[in-house]
């Protein structure tokens, strides 16, 4: 069950997203444990940005977040810090590369007796990716102009813009 915050022809179909499908099938135990706790946020790179469809354990754990005591801050299953502010996801503490991922769409899902949030981003938190057309550019191509709104935690430390498209992490 999903309730999106963005509508339009370019909306991501999560049932067909390669990363989410692998997470739910190949990493079903990890996915179930994350969702059953009830505080999970999943960062799901959009299908268009994924460079290949091979996702290892580290890649998967990097994209499963748990809320930290500071609003807007999260810790992934690898123990790295991730900050969600405005309409972007920033890699922070513990990442080899600082990356800013634009949130293209926000979904609410319900499985295993819990609701959890899914943030569809324009790039993964680590690894190689293909650059996609920015959400702002998509307005002219028929998509709704409303970007997914993610609550800002207020003043916080920033992340450098290490956004090279072919970098590995």
Protein backbone atom coordinates (compact mmCIF):
# COMPACT_ATOMS: atom_id res chain seq x y z
CA UNK A 1 0.00 0.00 0.00
CA UNK A 2 1.60 3.27 -1.12
CA UNK A 3 0.58 6.92 -0.89
CA UNK A 4 2.79 9.12 -3.06
CA UNK A 5 3.43 12.81 -2.74
CA UNK A 6 4.13 13.35 -6.42
CA UNK A 7 2.01 12.51 -9.39
CA UNK A 8 2.77 12.52 -13.07
CA UNK A 9 3.95 10.35 -15.90
CA UNK A 10 7.52 10.11 -14.52
CA UNK A 11 6.51 8.74 -11.13
CA UNK A 12 8.61 5.74 -10.11
CA UNK A 13 6.74 2.43 -10.02
CA UNK A 14 8.22 0.84 -6.89
CA UNK A 15 6.92 -2.59 -7.88
CA UNK A 16 9.34 -2.45 -10.84
CA UNK A 17 12.28 -0.74 -9.13
CA UNK A 18 15.25 -3.15 -9.45
CA UNK A 19 16.78 -2.19 -6.09
CA UNK A 20 13.56 -2.52 -4.09
CA UNK A 21 12.76 -5.84 -5.80
CA UNK A 22 16.20 -7.23 -4.88
CA UNK A 23 15.86 -5.89 -1.31
CA UNK A 24 12.47 -7.57 -0.88
CA UNK A 25 13.43 -10.90 -2.49
CA UNK A 26 17.18 -11.54 -2.13
CA UNK A 27 17.53 -9.71 1.21
CA UNK A 28 14.08 -10.60 2.55
CA UNK A 29 15.28 -11.27 6.12
CA UNK A 30 17.08 -7.93 6.36
CA UNK A 31 14.10 -6.15 4.79
CA UNK A 32 11.63 -7.84 7.15
CA UNK A 33 13.70 -7.03 10.28
CA UNK A 34 14.11 -3.38 9.23
CA UNK A 35 10.41 -2.91 8.54
CA UNK A 36 9.15 -4.84 11.58
CA UNK A 37 11.00 -2.48 13.93
CA UNK A 38 8.79 0.31 12.66
CA UNK A 39 11.36 3.12 12.39
CA UNK A 40 12.81 2.32 8.97
CA UNK A 41 13.30 4.76 6.14
CA UNK A 42 14.40 3.26 2.85
CA UNK A 43 16.42 5.27 0.35
CA UNK A 44 15.56 3.79 -3.04
CA UNK A 45 17.57 5.02 -6.03
CA UNK A 46 15.30 5.52 -9.04
CA UNK A 47 15.52 2.81 -11.70
CA UNK A 48 16.78 5.31 -14.26
CA UNK A 49 19.94 6.12 -12.26
CA UNK A 50 20.98 2.57 -11.45
CA UNK A 51 24.14 1.49 -13.26
CA UNK A 52 23.73 -2.26 -13.37
CA UNK A 53 21.44 -4.39 -11.26
CA UNK A 54 23.90 -6.18 -8.97
CA UNK A 55 23.39 -5.09 -5.37
CA UNK A 56 25.65 -6.49 -2.66
CA UNK A 57 25.01 -6.63 1.09
CA UNK A 58 26.88 -3.36 1.77
CA UNK A 59 24.94 -1.49 -0.91
CA UNK A 60 21.64 -2.73 0.53
CA UNK A 61 22.54 -1.95 4.17
CA UNK A 62 23.69 1.53 3.16
CA UNK A 63 20.19 2.36 1.92
CA UNK A 64 18.24 1.14 4.99
CA UNK A 65 18.06 3.93 7.59
CA UNK A 66 17.09 4.08 11.26
CA UNK A 67 16.16 7.34 12.98
CA UNK A 68 18.86 8.91 15.14
CA UNK A 69 18.12 11.02 18.26
CA UNK A 70 18.66 14.23 16.25
CA UNK A 71 15.71 15.18 14.01
CA UNK A 72 16.48 14.69 10.31
CA UNK A 73 19.51 12.50 11.08
CA UNK A 74 19.67 8.78 10.46
CA UNK A 75 22.11 5.91 10.84
CA UNK A 76 22.18 3.26 8.13
CA UNK A 77 22.73 -0.43 8.85
CA UNK A 78 26.46 0.06 8.12
CA UNK A 79 26.69 2.60 10.97
CA UNK A 80 27.11 5.63 8.68
CA UNK A 81 25.39 8.98 9.17
CA UNK A 82 22.78 10.21 6.71
CA UNK A 83 20.96 13.53 6.90
CA UNK A 84 17.60 14.23 5.28
CA UNK A 85 16.92 17.93 4.84
CA UNK A 86 14.71 19.95 2.56
CA UNK A 87 14.27 17.66 -0.45
CA UNK A 88 17.63 15.93 -0.39
CA UNK A 89 19.53 13.14 1.32
CA UNK A 90 23.15 13.87 2.34
CA UNK A 91 25.80 11.30 3.08
CA UNK A 92 27.71 12.31 6.17
CA UNK A 93 29.77 10.59 8.85
CA UNK A 94 31.54 7.41 7.73
CA UNK A 95 31.10 7.77 3.97
CA UNK A 96 34.18 7.84 1.72
CA UNK A 97 32.39 10.29 -0.58
CA UNK A 98 30.06 13.12 0.36
CA UNK A 99 27.02 12.87 -1.88
CA UNK A 100 23.79 14.85 -2.12
CA UNK A 101 20.87 12.88 -3.53
CA UNK A 102 17.74 14.72 -4.63
CA UNK A 103 14.47 13.25 -3.37
CA UNK A 104 12.30 12.79 -6.45
CA UNK A 105 9.34 11.15 -4.72
CA UNK A 106 8.27 10.14 -1.21
CA UNK A 107 6.10 7.10 -0.55
CA UNK A 108 4.54 5.59 2.54
CA UNK A 109 4.47 1.79 2.51
CA UNK A 110 2.84 -0.73 4.82
CA UNK A 111 4.23 -4.24 5.31
CA UNK A 112 4.73 -6.63 8.22
CA UNK A 113 2.32 -4.61 10.37
CA UNK A 114 4.20 -1.29 10.10
CA UNK A 115 4.21 1.88 8.06
CA UNK A 116 7.57 3.10 6.81
CA UNK A 117 8.86 5.83 4.54
CA UNK A 118 10.49 5.33 1.15
CA UNK A 119 12.54 8.14 -0.40
CA UNK A 120 13.11 7.71 -4.14
CA UNK A 121 16.31 9.53 -5.06
CA UNK A 122 18.09 10.60 -8.24
CA UNK A 123 21.20 8.57 -7.29
CA UNK A 124 22.30 5.92 -4.79
CA UNK A 125 24.13 6.84 -1.58
CA UNK A 126 27.18 4.88 -2.75
CA UNK A 127 28.46 3.35 -5.95
CA UNK A 128 28.20 4.05 -9.63
CA UNK A 129 25.12 5.69 -11.13
CA UNK A 130 23.79 7.28 -14.29
CA UNK A 131 22.92 10.96 -14.07
CA UNK A 132 19.19 11.54 -14.45
CA UNK A 133 17.29 14.62 -15.47
CA UNK A 134 16.74 16.74 -12.33
CA UNK A 135 13.21 16.92 -10.94
CA UNK A 136 13.12 20.66 -11.65
CA UNK A 137 13.81 19.93 -15.33
CA UNK A 138 11.04 17.31 -15.40
CA UNK A 139 8.35 19.96 -14.87
CA UNK A 140 8.62 20.99 -18.50
CA UNK A 141 8.37 17.39 -19.69
CA UNK A 142 4.91 16.73 -18.27
CA UNK A 143 5.58 15.81 -14.63
CA UNK A 144 3.79 17.56 -11.82
CA UNK A 145 5.76 20.50 -10.46
CA UNK A 146 5.49 19.46 -6.83
CA UNK A 147 8.71 18.04 -5.49
CA UNK A 148 8.59 15.68 -2.55
CA UNK A 149 8.78 17.68 0.64
CA UNK A 150 11.00 16.25 3.34
CA UNK A 151 10.93 18.06 6.69
CA UNK A 152 14.05 20.07 7.43
CA UNK A 153 15.69 19.52 10.81
CA UNK A 154 16.88 23.13 10.90
CA UNK A 155 20.49 24.28 11.02
CA UNK A 156 22.85 21.37 10.64
CA UNK A 157 26.27 20.54 9.32
CA UNK A 158 26.33 20.34 5.54
CA UNK A 159 27.83 17.86 3.20
CA UNK A 160 30.23 18.62 0.40
CA UNK A 161 28.95 18.09 -3.09
CA UNK A 162 30.86 15.03 -4.26
CA UNK A 163 28.54 14.14 -7.08
CA UNK A 164 30.71 12.64 -9.81
CA UNK A 165 28.55 10.31 -11.85
CA UNK A 166 31.09 7.53 -12.26
CA UNK A 167 32.54 7.44 -8.79
CA UNK A 168 32.54 4.20 -6.87
CA UNK A 169 31.91 4.03 -3.16
